Amino acid sequence: MTRMLLATWIVLATCLMTTPAIAQDAQVPTIPDAVPVAVDPATTAYLVLDIQTSNCNDTRPACLDSLPAIASFLERARAEGMYVVYAGTPSAIRSEVAPLPDEPIVTSSANKFFNTNLNDLLQSHGITTLVMVGSSANGAILYTTFEAGARGYTVAVAEDGISSTEPFQTFLTRYQLLNQPGSPNPTNEPLRPNAVTLTRTDLITIE
């Protein structure tokens, strides 16, 4: 037993000595500011992802803080005839942003294209651009935007409409959205084709 313990300690010590240390002067990446975008309501859909009582409540204040922006843009989008699609459990969607009877709802895991008819819904309405909000940012937003880019959509994510359990998760998501493999937009160029733009609801013009 003593020999086994000694051998274990030797292995652990070797691992500790050979594991690279994280540089103390490592820099936190800078994320470009949100930029204005202009979208065509005829070819743009507003996706509201997982804004539900189960994950948008007093335990998730960041999500509650995002509700006014999500609701305000929802009103504008509907007034301009923009196609609106929800993701979540129908009975759990918060009343502040509740869907109208003719607005579709898909239910899936983090990637809202997975095992749903979301792509068919968008294609049937001639949608090429997506404005996206939701929670969790590091789940629904991150994975759905990646799939959207792979399918050829251009995406605008409204920063004031996304949230996570922890602020770092949202920060990580914002960075990753602009640096996704295959469709990066590191300078946050407005509406770069097949990529993600970081914007805010008050910076989105519908025309």
Protein backbone atom coordinates (compact mmCIF):
# COMPACT_ATOMS: atom_id res chain seq x y z
CA MET A 1 0.00 0.00 0.00
CA THR A 2 2.85 2.37 0.88
CA ARG A 3 4.50 1.79 -2.49
CA MET A 4 1.19 2.46 -4.26
CA LEU A 5 0.71 5.73 -2.38
CA LEU A 6 4.27 6.78 -3.13
CA ALA A 7 3.80 6.01 -6.82
CA THR A 8 0.57 8.00 -6.88
CA TRP A 9 2.26 11.03 -5.31
CA ILE A 10 5.11 10.82 -7.81
CA VAL A 11 2.64 10.82 -10.72
CA LEU A 12 0.72 13.79 -9.27
CA ALA A 13 3.90 15.76 -8.64
CA THR A 14 5.10 15.09 -12.17
CA CYS A 15 1.81 16.30 -13.63
CA LEU A 16 1.91 19.48 -11.57
CA MET A 17 5.46 20.21 -12.66
CA THR A 18 4.75 19.63 -16.36
CA THR A 19 1.32 21.33 -16.64
CA PRO A 20 1.74 24.77 -18.24
CA ALA A 21 0.74 27.61 -15.93
CA ILE A 22 -1.69 30.25 -17.11
CA ALA A 23 0.20 33.46 -17.64
CA GLN A 24 -0.68 35.98 -14.95
CA ASP A 25 -0.48 38.77 -17.50
CA ALA A 26 -2.95 37.12 -19.89
CA GLN A 27 -5.25 39.78 -21.31
CA VAL A 28 -9.04 39.59 -21.30
CA PRO A 29 -10.13 39.92 -24.93
CA THR A 30 -11.80 43.13 -26.03
CA ILE A 31 -15.24 42.83 -27.60
CA PRO A 32 -16.26 45.52 -30.11
CA ASP A 33 -19.16 47.76 -29.17
CA ALA A 34 -22.66 47.05 -30.43
CA VAL A 35 -23.30 48.61 -33.82
CA PRO A 36 -26.40 49.95 -35.62
CA VAL A 37 -28.06 47.71 -38.20
CA ALA A 38 -30.93 48.19 -40.63
CA VAL A 39 -33.15 45.22 -41.47
CA ASP A 40 -35.88 44.58 -44.02
CA PRO A 41 -39.05 43.33 -42.27
CA ALA A 42 -39.99 41.28 -45.33
CA THR A 43 -36.87 39.09 -45.06
CA THR A 44 -36.12 39.31 -41.34
CA ALA A 45 -37.44 37.21 -38.46
CA TYR A 46 -37.37 38.07 -34.77
CA LEU A 47 -36.46 34.99 -32.71
CA VAL A 48 -37.33 35.05 -29.02
CA LEU A 49 -35.60 32.09 -27.37
CA ASP A 50 -36.48 30.55 -24.00
CA ILE A 51 -37.83 33.60 -22.19
CA GLN A 52 -39.77 31.49 -19.70
CA THR A 53 -40.87 31.56 -16.09
CA SER A 54 -38.58 28.61 -15.42
CA ASN A 55 -35.37 30.42 -16.34
CA CYS A 56 -36.37 34.09 -16.33
CA ASN A 57 -37.37 34.82 -12.75
CA ASP A 58 -36.06 36.32 -9.50
CA THR A 59 -33.13 33.90 -9.50
CA ARG A 60 -32.06 35.26 -12.91
CA PRO A 61 -32.27 39.06 -12.55
CA ALA A 62 -30.31 39.64 -15.76
CA CYS A 63 -33.11 37.98 -17.71
CA LEU A 64 -35.75 40.07 -15.96
CA ASP A 65 -33.74 43.18 -16.81
CA SER A 66 -33.82 42.21 -20.49
CA LEU A 67 -37.62 41.93 -20.68
CA PRO A 68 -38.37 45.62 -21.43
CA ALA A 69 -35.98 45.67 -24.40
CA ILE A 70 -37.29 42.36 -25.75
CA ALA A 71 -40.90 43.48 -25.40
CA SER A 72 -40.26 46.92 -26.90
CA PHE A 73 -38.65 45.49 -30.02
CA LEU A 74 -41.38 42.86 -30.22
CA GLU A 75 -43.94 45.64 -30.48
CA ARG A 76 -41.94 47.37 -33.19
CA ALA A 77 -41.38 44.16 -35.12
CA ARG A 78 -45.06 43.28 -35.14
CA ALA A 79 -46.03 46.80 -36.19
CA GLU A 80 -43.70 46.48 -39.19
CA GLY A 81 -44.97 43.04 -40.15
CA MET A 82 -41.81 41.18 -39.19
CA TYR A 83 -42.10 37.42 -38.80
CA VAL A 84 -41.83 36.41 -35.13
CA VAL A 85 -40.84 32.94 -33.94
CA TYR A 86 -40.52 31.68 -30.38
CA ALA A 87 -38.63 28.83 -28.77
CA GLY A 88 -39.63 27.29 -25.48
CA THR A 89 -42.47 25.58 -23.69
CA PRO A 90 -45.66 27.36 -24.80
CA SER A 91 -47.27 27.49 -21.37
CA ALA A 92 -44.10 28.79 -19.72
CA ILE A 93 -43.29 31.79 -21.95
CA ARG A 94 -43.44 34.96 -19.89
CA SER A 95 -46.54 37.07 -20.32
CA GLU A 96 -44.51 40.24 -21.00
CA VAL A 97 -43.37 38.75 -24.30
CA ALA A 98 -46.10 36.18 -24.95
CA PRO A 99 -46.68 35.03 -28.53
CA LEU A 100 -49.78 35.87 -30.53
CA PRO A 101 -51.92 32.92 -31.64
CA ASP A 102 -50.42 32.90 -35.15
CA GLU A 103 -46.79 33.13 -34.04
CA PRO A 104 -45.09 29.70 -34.10
CA ILE A 105 -43.21 28.12 -31.22
CA VAL A 106 -40.50 25.49 -31.54
CA THR A 107 -39.24 23.34 -28.69
CA SER A 108 -35.73 21.92 -28.66
CA SER A 109 -32.47 21.82 -26.77
CA ALA A 110 -29.92 24.64 -27.04
CA ASN A 111 -29.85 24.50 -30.85
CA LYS A 112 -33.37 25.52 -31.88
CA PHE A 113 -32.89 24.10 -35.37
CA PHE A 114 -32.33 20.61 -33.95
CA ASN A 115 -35.32 18.30 -34.41
CA THR A 116 -37.68 21.22 -35.13
CA ASN A 117 -39.25 22.78 -38.21
CA LEU A 118 -37.59 26.14 -37.55
CA ASN A 119 -35.70 26.17 -40.83
CA ASP A 120 -38.83 25.24 -42.77
CA LEU A 121 -40.75 28.05 -41.08
CA LEU A 122 -38.08 30.59 -41.96
CA GLN A 123 -37.66 29.36 -45.51
CA SER A 124 -41.40 29.40 -46.14
CA HIS A 125 -41.43 33.12 -45.30
CA GLY A 126 -38.37 34.02 -47.37
CA ILE A 127 -36.28 34.85 -44.31
CA THR A 128 -32.58 35.55 -44.79
CA THR A 129 -31.81 37.61 -41.66
CA LEU A 130 -32.47 36.84 -38.01
CA VAL A 131 -32.70 39.21 -35.06
CA MET A 132 -32.18 37.09 -31.99
CA VAL A 133 -32.72 37.51 -28.24
CA GLY A 134 -33.00 34.97 -25.45
CA SER A 135 -31.68 33.13 -22.44
CA SER A 136 -29.42 31.38 -21.80
CA ALA A 137 -26.96 33.26 -23.95
CA ASN A 138 -24.38 30.49 -23.65
CA GLY A 139 -26.98 27.92 -24.66
CA ALA A 140 -29.83 28.91 -26.95
CA ILE A 141 -28.19 32.02 -28.41
CA LEU A 142 -24.72 30.54 -28.91
CA TYR A 143 -25.77 27.28 -30.50
CA THR A 144 -28.70 28.57 -32.53
CA THR A 145 -26.62 31.36 -34.06
CA PHE A 146 -23.90 28.90 -35.02
CA GLU A 147 -26.43 26.68 -36.77
CA ALA A 148 -28.03 29.70 -38.42
CA GLY A 149 -24.71 30.76 -39.90
CA ALA A 150 -24.05 27.25 -41.15
CA ARG A 151 -27.43 27.33 -42.88
CA GLY A 152 -26.68 30.64 -44.60
CA TYR A 153 -28.55 33.12 -42.41
CA THR A 154 -27.20 36.49 -41.36
CA VAL A 155 -27.76 37.10 -37.65
CA ALA A 156 -28.03 40.19 -35.45
CA VAL A 157 -27.96 39.49 -31.72
CA ALA A 158 -29.33 42.27 -29.51
CA GLU A 159 -27.06 42.47 -26.48
CA ASP A 160 -29.74 44.07 -24.32
CA GLY A 161 -31.98 41.08 -24.99
CA ILE A 162 -29.65 38.25 -23.94
CA SER A 163 -28.78 36.94 -20.49
CA SER A 164 -27.23 34.04 -18.61
CA THR A 165 -26.96 32.73 -15.09
CA GLU A 166 -23.59 34.45 -14.63
CA PRO A 167 -22.27 37.62 -16.31
CA PHE A 168 -19.15 35.78 -17.49
CA GLN A 169 -21.30 33.37 -19.49
CA THR A 170 -22.80 36.28 -21.39
CA PHE A 171 -19.36 37.84 -21.90
CA LEU A 172 -18.03 34.54 -23.22
CA THR A 173 -21.00 34.24 -25.56
CA ARG A 174 -20.54 37.76 -26.95
CA TYR A 175 -16.89 37.00 -27.69
CA GLN A 176 -17.66 33.64 -29.25
CA LEU A 177 -20.45 35.00 -31.44
CA LEU A 178 -17.96 37.26 -33.20
CA ASN A 179 -15.28 34.58 -33.39
CA GLN A 180 -17.21 31.49 -34.41
CA PRO A 181 -15.21 29.02 -36.50
CA GLY A 182 -16.17 29.19 -40.14
CA SER A 183 -18.06 32.49 -39.97
CA PRO A 184 -16.16 34.99 -37.81
CA ASN A 185 -16.90 38.70 -37.60
CA PRO A 186 -14.20 39.88 -35.16
CA THR A 187 -14.56 43.58 -36.02
CA ASN A 188 -18.36 43.43 -35.66
CA GLU A 189 -19.06 44.53 -39.21
CA PRO A 190 -22.79 45.33 -39.45
CA LEU A 191 -24.74 42.42 -40.93
CA ARG A 192 -21.76 40.57 -42.34
CA PRO A 193 -23.28 37.78 -44.49
CA ASN A 194 -23.63 34.40 -42.79
CA ALA A 195 -22.10 35.74 -39.58
CA VAL A 196 -23.23 37.35 -36.33
CA THR A 197 -23.41 41.06 -35.56
CA LEU A 198 -23.69 42.36 -32.01
CA THR A 199 -26.22 45.16 -31.79
CA ARG A 200 -28.91 46.47 -29.39
CA THR A 201 -32.64 46.73 -29.84
CA ASP A 202 -32.43 50.52 -29.84
CA LEU A 203 -29.81 50.39 -32.60
CA ILE A 204 -31.95 48.31 -34.96
CA THR A 205 -33.76 50.18 -37.73
CA ILE A 206 -36.60 48.42 -39.50
CA GLU A 207 -36.93 49.69 -43.05
